[in-house]
C-alpha atoms as a PDB file:
ATOM      1  CA  MET A   1      29.343 -31.698  15.511  1.00  0.00           C
ATOM      2  CA  THR A   2      25.997 -31.461  13.745  1.00  0.00           C
ATOM      3  CA  SER A   3      24.472 -29.540  16.648  1.00  0.00           C
ATOM      4  CA  THR A   4      27.153 -26.853  16.388  1.00  0.00           C
ATOM      5  CA  THR A   5      26.628 -26.621  12.646  1.00  0.00           C
ATOM      6  CA  GLY A   6      22.883 -26.305  13.159  1.00  0.00           C
ATOM      7  CA  LEU A   7      23.349 -23.519  15.715  1.00  0.00           C
ATOM      8  CA  SER A   8      25.718 -21.582  13.463  1.00  0.00           C
ATOM      9  CA  GLN A   9      23.250 -21.863  10.561  1.00  0.00           C
ATOM     10  CA  LEU A  10      20.443 -20.618  12.792  1.00  0.00           C
ATOM     11  CA  HIS A  11      22.639 -17.708  13.874  1.00  0.00           C
ATOM     12  CA  TYR A  12      23.138 -16.621  10.267  1.00  0.00           C
ATOM     13  CA  GLN A  13      19.514 -17.142   9.252  1.00  0.00           C
ATOM     14  CA  LEU A  14      17.965 -15.292  12.165  1.00  0.00           C
ATOM     15  CA  PRO A  15      19.244 -11.813  11.270  1.00  0.00           C
ATOM     16  CA  LEU A  16      17.902 -12.169   7.715  1.00  0.00           C
ATOM     17  CA  TRP A  17      14.465 -13.172   9.018  1.00  0.00           C
ATOM     18  CA  THR A  18      14.597 -10.354  11.574  1.00  0.00           C
ATOM     19  CA  LYS A  19      15.527  -7.866   8.858  1.00  0.00           C
ATOM     20  CA  ASP A  20      12.589  -9.054   6.745  1.00  0.00           C
ATOM     21  CA  TRP A  21      10.180  -8.737   9.657  1.00  0.00           C
ATOM     22  CA  ARG A  22      11.436  -5.265  10.532  1.00  0.00           C
ATOM     23  CA  GLY A  23      11.041  -4.122   6.926  1.00  0.00           C
ATOM     24  CA  ALA A  24       7.463  -5.389   6.744  1.00  0.00           C
ATOM     25  CA  ALA A  25       6.649  -3.818  10.112  1.00  0.00           C
ATOM     26  CA  ALA A  26       8.125  -0.511   8.929  1.00  0.00           C
ATOM     27  CA  GLY A  27       5.966  -0.628   5.795  1.00  0.00           C
ATOM     28  CA  THR A  28       2.910  -1.240   7.975  1.00  0.00           C
ATOM     29  CA  MET A  29       3.798   1.664  10.237  1.00  0.00           C
ATOM     30  CA  VAL A  30       4.461   4.070   7.368  1.00  0.00           C
ATOM     31  CA  THR A  31       1.094   3.195   5.806  1.00  0.00           C
ATOM     32  CA  ALA A  32      -0.698   3.739   9.124  1.00  0.00           C
ATOM     33  CA  LEU A  33       0.985   7.124   9.541  1.00  0.00           C
ATOM     34  CA  CYS A  34       0.299   8.177   5.952  1.00  0.00           C
ATOM     35  CA  ALA A  35      -3.370   7.268   6.394  1.00  0.00           C
ATOM     36  CA  GLN A  36      -3.670   9.971   9.049  1.00  0.00           C
ATOM     37  CA  VAL A  37      -2.594  12.649   6.589  1.00  0.00           C
ATOM     38  CA  SER A  38      -6.059  12.990   5.123  1.00  0.00           C
ATOM     39  CA  PHE A  39      -8.638  15.527   4.135  1.00  0.00           C
ATOM     40  CA  HIS A  40     -12.081  15.290   2.605  1.00  0.00           C
ATOM     41  CA  LEU A  41     -13.286  16.905  -0.583  1.00  0.00           C
ATOM     42  CA  PRO A  42     -16.946  17.972  -0.593  1.00  0.00           C
ATOM     43  CA  PHE A  43     -17.786  16.208  -3.867  1.00  0.00           C
ATOM     44  CA  THR A  44     -16.512  12.668  -3.144  1.00  0.00           C
ATOM     45  CA  PRO A  45     -16.928  10.275  -0.218  1.00  0.00           C
ATOM     46  CA  VAL A  46     -13.324   9.093  -0.591  1.00  0.00           C
ATOM     47  CA  PRO A  47     -10.743  11.008   1.475  1.00  0.00           C
ATOM     48  CA  VAL A  48      -7.435  12.178   0.061  1.00  0.00           C
ATOM     49  CA  THR A  49      -4.617  10.461   1.967  1.00  0.00           C
ATOM     50  CA  LEU A  50      -0.956   9.574   1.541  1.00  0.00           C
ATOM     51  CA  GLN A  51      -1.697   5.826   1.650  1.00  0.00           C
ATOM     52  CA  VAL A  52      -1.047   5.333  -2.067  1.00  0.00           C
ATOM     53  CA  PHE A  53       2.438   6.741  -1.554  1.00  0.00           C
ATOM     54  CA  ALA A  54       3.073   4.338   1.346  1.00  0.00           C
ATOM     55  CA  VAL A  55       1.708   1.301  -0.490  1.00  0.00           C
ATOM     56  CA  LEU A  56       3.818   1.926  -3.591  1.00  0.00           C
ATOM     57  CA  LEU A  57       6.910   2.741  -1.550  1.00  0.00           C
ATOM     58  CA  SER A  58       6.493  -0.426   0.531  1.00  0.00           C
ATOM     59  CA  GLY A  59       6.530  -2.554  -2.582  1.00  0.00           C
ATOM     60  CA  LEU A  60       9.349  -0.672  -4.273  1.00  0.00           C
ATOM     61  CA  LEU A  61      11.607  -0.863  -1.207  1.00  0.00           C
ATOM     62  CA  LEU A  62      10.690  -4.252   0.233  1.00  0.00           C
ATOM     63  CA  GLY A  63       9.902  -6.229  -2.906  1.00  0.00           C
ATOM     64  CA  SER A  64       6.717  -8.059  -3.754  1.00  0.00           C
ATOM     65  CA  ARG A  65       6.554 -10.551  -0.891  1.00  0.00           C
ATOM     66  CA  LEU A  66       7.434  -8.230   1.979  1.00  0.00           C
ATOM     67  CA  GLY A  67       5.578  -5.269   0.491  1.00  0.00           C
ATOM     68  CA  ALA A  68       2.398  -7.337   0.298  1.00  0.00           C
ATOM     69  CA  LEU A  69       3.018  -8.661   3.815  1.00  0.00           C
ATOM     70  CA  SER A  70       3.370  -5.117   5.163  1.00  0.00           C
ATOM     71  CA  GLN A  71       0.008  -4.162   3.684  1.00  0.00           C
ATOM     72  CA  LEU A  72      -1.653  -7.361   4.842  1.00  0.00           C
ATOM     73  CA  GLN A  73      -0.449  -6.599   8.365  1.00  0.00           C
ATOM     74  CA  TYR A  74      -1.899  -3.106   7.996  1.00  0.00           C
ATOM     75  CA  LEU A  75      -5.303  -4.524   7.031  1.00  0.00           C
ATOM     76  CA  VAL A  76      -5.280  -7.039   9.895  1.00  0.00           C
ATOM     77  CA  LEU A  77      -4.415  -4.328  12.419  1.00  0.00           C
ATOM     78  CA  GLY A  78      -7.197  -2.122  11.093  1.00  0.00           C
ATOM     79  CA  ALA A  79      -9.714  -4.974  10.957  1.00  0.00           C
ATOM     80  CA  LEU A  80      -8.925  -5.820  14.582  1.00  0.00           C
ATOM     81  CA  GLY A  81      -9.857  -2.275  15.551  1.00  0.00           C
ATOM     82  CA  ALA A  82      -6.501  -0.499  15.720  1.00  0.00           C
ATOM     83  CA  PRO A  83      -7.016   3.122  14.573  1.00  0.00           C
ATOM     84  CA  VAL A  84      -4.740   2.812  11.542  1.00  0.00           C
ATOM     85  CA  PHE A  85      -7.192   3.658   8.762  1.00  0.00           C
ATOM     86  CA  ALA A  86      -7.815   7.269   7.651  1.00  0.00           C
ATOM     87  CA  ASP A  87      -9.027   9.651  10.340  1.00  0.00           C
ATOM     88  CA  PHE A  88      -7.855   7.239  13.085  1.00  0.00           C
ATOM     89  CA  ASN A  89     -10.547   4.699  12.225  1.00  0.00           C
ATOM     90  CA  GLY A  90     -10.368   0.970  12.653  1.00  0.00           C
ATOM     91  CA  GLY A  91     -12.633  -2.034  12.536  1.00  0.00           C
ATOM     92  CA  LEU A  92     -13.704  -4.729  10.129  1.00  0.00           C
ATOM     93  CA  MET A  93     -16.614  -2.657   8.826  1.00  0.00           C
ATOM     94  CA  HIS A  94     -14.161  -0.322   7.058  1.00  0.00           C
ATOM     95  CA  LEU A  95     -13.022  -3.162   4.815  1.00  0.00           C
ATOM     96  CA  PHE A  96     -16.618  -3.637   3.690  1.00  0.00           C
ATOM     97  CA  GLY A  97     -17.492   0.068   3.652  1.00  0.00           C
ATOM     98  CA  ILE A  98     -17.326   2.763   1.032  1.00  0.00           C
ATOM     99  CA  THR A  99     -13.503   2.850   0.879  1.00  0.00           C
ATOM    100  CA  GLY A 100     -12.941  -0.848   1.552  1.00  0.00           C
ATOM    101  CA  GLY A 101     -12.052  -1.650  -2.045  1.00  0.00           C
ATOM    102  CA  TYR A 102      -9.081   0.679  -1.877  1.00  0.00           C
ATOM    103  CA  LEU A 103      -7.921  -0.843   1.403  1.00  0.00           C
ATOM    104  CA  LEU A 104      -8.322  -4.409   0.156  1.00  0.00           C
ATOM    105  CA  SER A 105      -6.261  -3.612  -2.934  1.00  0.00           C
ATOM    106  CA  TYR A 106      -3.185  -2.561  -0.958  1.00  0.00           C
ATOM    107  CA  PRO A 107      -1.491  -5.971  -0.542  1.00  0.00           C
ATOM    108  CA  PHE A 108      -1.967  -6.684  -4.255  1.00  0.00           C
ATOM    109  CA  ALA A 109      -0.785  -3.213  -5.262  1.00  0.00           C
ATOM    110  CA  ALA A 110       2.308  -3.498  -3.045  1.00  0.00           C
ATOM    111  CA  TRP A 111       3.041  -6.890  -4.588  1.00  0.00           C
ATOM    112  CA  ILE A 112       2.783  -5.407  -8.091  1.00  0.00           C
ATOM    113  CA  SER A 113       4.946  -2.381  -7.265  1.00  0.00           C
ATOM    114  CA  GLY A 114       7.442  -4.730  -5.636  1.00  0.00           C
ATOM    115  CA  LEU A 115       8.128  -6.227  -9.050  1.00  0.00           C
ATOM    116  CA  GLY A 116      10.080  -3.037  -9.756  1.00  0.00           C
ATOM    117  CA  LYS A 117      12.308  -3.231  -6.685  1.00  0.00           C
ATOM    118  CA  ASP A 118      15.584  -3.921  -8.493  1.00  0.00           C
ATOM    119  CA  CYS A 119      14.651  -2.388 -11.835  1.00  0.00           C
ATOM    120  CA  ASN A 120      15.355   0.777 -13.765  1.00  0.00           C
ATOM    121  CA  LEU A 121      13.257   3.931 -13.592  1.00  0.00           C
ATOM    122  CA  GLN A 122      10.978   3.046 -16.499  1.00  0.00           C
ATOM    123  CA  ARG A 123      10.123  -0.359 -15.032  1.00  0.00           C
ATOM    124  CA  ARG A 124       9.506   1.151 -11.579  1.00  0.00           C
ATOM    125  CA  MET A 125       7.140   3.689 -13.105  1.00  0.00           C
ATOM    126  CA  ALA A 126       5.345   1.022 -15.150  1.00  0.00           C
ATOM    127  CA  VAL A 127       4.743  -1.339 -12.235  1.00  0.00           C
ATOM    128  CA  SER A 128       3.725   1.558 -10.009  1.00  0.00           C
ATOM    129  CA  LEU A 129       1.209   2.745 -12.615  1.00  0.00           C
ATOM    130  CA  SER A 130      -0.161  -0.804 -12.797  1.00  0.00           C
ATOM    131  CA  ALA A 131      -0.463  -0.912  -9.012  1.00  0.00           C
ATOM    132  CA  LEU A 132      -2.260   2.432  -8.984  1.00  0.00           C
ATOM    133  CA  ALA A 133      -4.652   1.204 -11.682  1.00  0.00           C
ATOM    134  CA  LEU A 134      -5.465  -1.818  -9.511  1.00  0.00           C
ATOM    135  CA  ILE A 135      -6.124   0.421  -6.495  1.00  0.00           C
ATOM    136  CA  TYR A 136      -8.514   2.507  -8.581  1.00  0.00           C
ATOM    137  CA  LEU A 137     -10.210  -0.535 -10.086  1.00  0.00           C
ATOM    138  CA  MET A 138     -10.866  -2.270  -6.770  1.00  0.00           C
ATOM    139  CA  GLY A 139     -11.759   0.995  -5.050  1.00  0.00           C
ATOM    140  CA  CYS A 140     -14.241   2.063  -7.708  1.00  0.00           C
ATOM    141  CA  MET A 141     -15.782  -1.407  -7.890  1.00  0.00           C
ATOM    142  CA  GLN A 142     -16.641  -1.364  -4.196  1.00  0.00           C
ATOM    143  CA  LEU A 143     -17.606   2.304  -4.298  1.00  0.00           C
ATOM    144  CA  SER A 144     -20.147   1.494  -7.026  1.00  0.00           C
ATOM    145  CA  PHE A 145     -22.141  -0.596  -4.514  1.00  0.00           C
ATOM    146  CA  PHE A 146     -22.586   2.517  -2.395  1.00  0.00           C
ATOM    147  CA  LEU A 147     -23.478   4.739  -5.351  1.00  0.00           C
ATOM    148  CA  PRO A 148     -26.028   2.441  -7.023  1.00  0.00           C
ATOM    149  CA  HIS A 149     -27.662   5.116  -9.199  1.00  0.00           C
ATOM    150  CA  ALA A 150     -24.396   6.628 -10.399  1.00  0.00           C
ATOM    151  CA  THR A 151     -23.221   5.905 -13.909  1.00  0.00           C
ATOM    152  CA  LEU A 152     -19.879   4.194 -14.488  1.00  0.00           C
ATOM    153  CA  PRO A 153     -18.162   7.475 -15.482  1.00  0.00           C
ATOM    154  CA  ALA A 154     -19.604   9.238 -12.423  1.00  0.00           C
ATOM    155  CA  THR A 155     -18.348   6.455 -10.158  1.00  0.00           C
ATOM    156  CA  PHE A 156     -14.901   6.629 -11.747  1.00  0.00           C
ATOM    157  CA  ILE A 157     -14.760  10.400 -11.312  1.00  0.00           C
ATOM    158  CA  ALA A 158     -15.858  10.147  -7.660  1.00  0.00           C
ATOM    159  CA  GLY A 159     -13.490   7.279  -6.912  1.00  0.00           C
ATOM    160  CA  ALA A 160     -10.459   8.042  -9.044  1.00  0.00           C
ATOM    161  CA  GLY A 161     -10.819  11.099 -11.266  1.00  0.00           C
ATOM    162  CA  TRP A 162     -10.440  13.673  -8.499  1.00  0.00           C
ATOM    163  CA  PHE A 163      -7.302  11.929  -7.274  1.00  0.00           C
ATOM    164  CA  LEU A 164      -5.365  11.281 -10.477  1.00  0.00           C
ATOM    165  CA  VAL A 165      -3.098  14.319 -10.340  1.00  0.00           C
ATOM    166  CA  TRP A 166      -2.342  13.942  -6.629  1.00  0.00           C
ATOM    167  CA  ASP A 167      -1.764  10.213  -6.946  1.00  0.00           C
ATOM    168  CA  MET A 168       0.639  10.755  -9.840  1.00  0.00           C
ATOM    169  CA  VAL A 169       2.625  13.124  -7.625  1.00  0.00           C
ATOM    170  CA  LYS A 170       2.643  10.450  -4.876  1.00  0.00           C
ATOM    171  CA  LEU A 171       3.655   7.800  -7.402  1.00  0.00           C
ATOM    172  CA  CYS A 172       6.566   9.909  -8.680  1.00  0.00           C
ATOM    173  CA  ALA A 173       7.632  10.647  -5.107  1.00  0.00           C
ATOM    174  CA  ALA A 174       7.554   6.948  -4.182  1.00  0.00           C
ATOM    175  CA  VAL A 175       9.570   5.964  -7.255  1.00  0.00           C
ATOM    176  CA  SER A 176      12.112   8.752  -6.679  1.00  0.00           C
ATOM    177  CA  LEU A 177      12.456   8.030  -2.982  1.00  0.00           C
ATOM    178  CA  SER A 178      12.838   4.303  -3.591  1.00  0.00           C
ATOM    179  CA  ARG A 179      15.647   4.957  -6.073  1.00  0.00           C
ATOM    180  CA  LEU A 180      17.360   7.214  -3.540  1.00  0.00           C
ATOM    181  CA  PHE A 181      17.173   4.532  -0.846  1.00  0.00           C
ATOM    182  CA  VAL A 182      18.454   1.843  -3.212  1.00  0.00           C
ATOM    183  CA  ARG A 183      21.461   4.003  -4.071  1.00  0.00           C
ATOM    184  CA  GLN A 184      22.215   4.476  -0.367  1.00  0.00           C
ATOM    185  CA  LEU A 185      22.144   0.736   0.417  1.00  0.00           C
END
């Protein structure tokens, strides 16, 4: 009798685990696709991509744990050489390169934005702004190693200032889209 009970419990637990895995894999895939929507500005070494949108959306839809997992999977795929980073790049050197700080911040930023998964609009915006601030902080910190003679304001402008308006649009889109999906579920 205990073996039947154990099998029935496994049957009910497996779909939940499978759903979690599929959600994290979807977040990874969306981030990889959004990374390929990129263009370069002549006055900054950091490309403009849709990754911020994907990172925030992953957290807001999947929650902290699965959102962070989706971004960790993304980093592992890229580090192993899969062409998932911007401009179809991959390899470990990108995590230690000029834009590596942004990439390394993604699991943490998704975790932070995931805190707003089941919250109202104001809370979703607040956690998403916090996540974006972390992306900028980690990105600019690593960027400063590659711009050693630049002042702190110049590094911030090169690493975040040019992107603020666009990233706010992406943030608002991620928050709005996440609310739409939550209403549909």
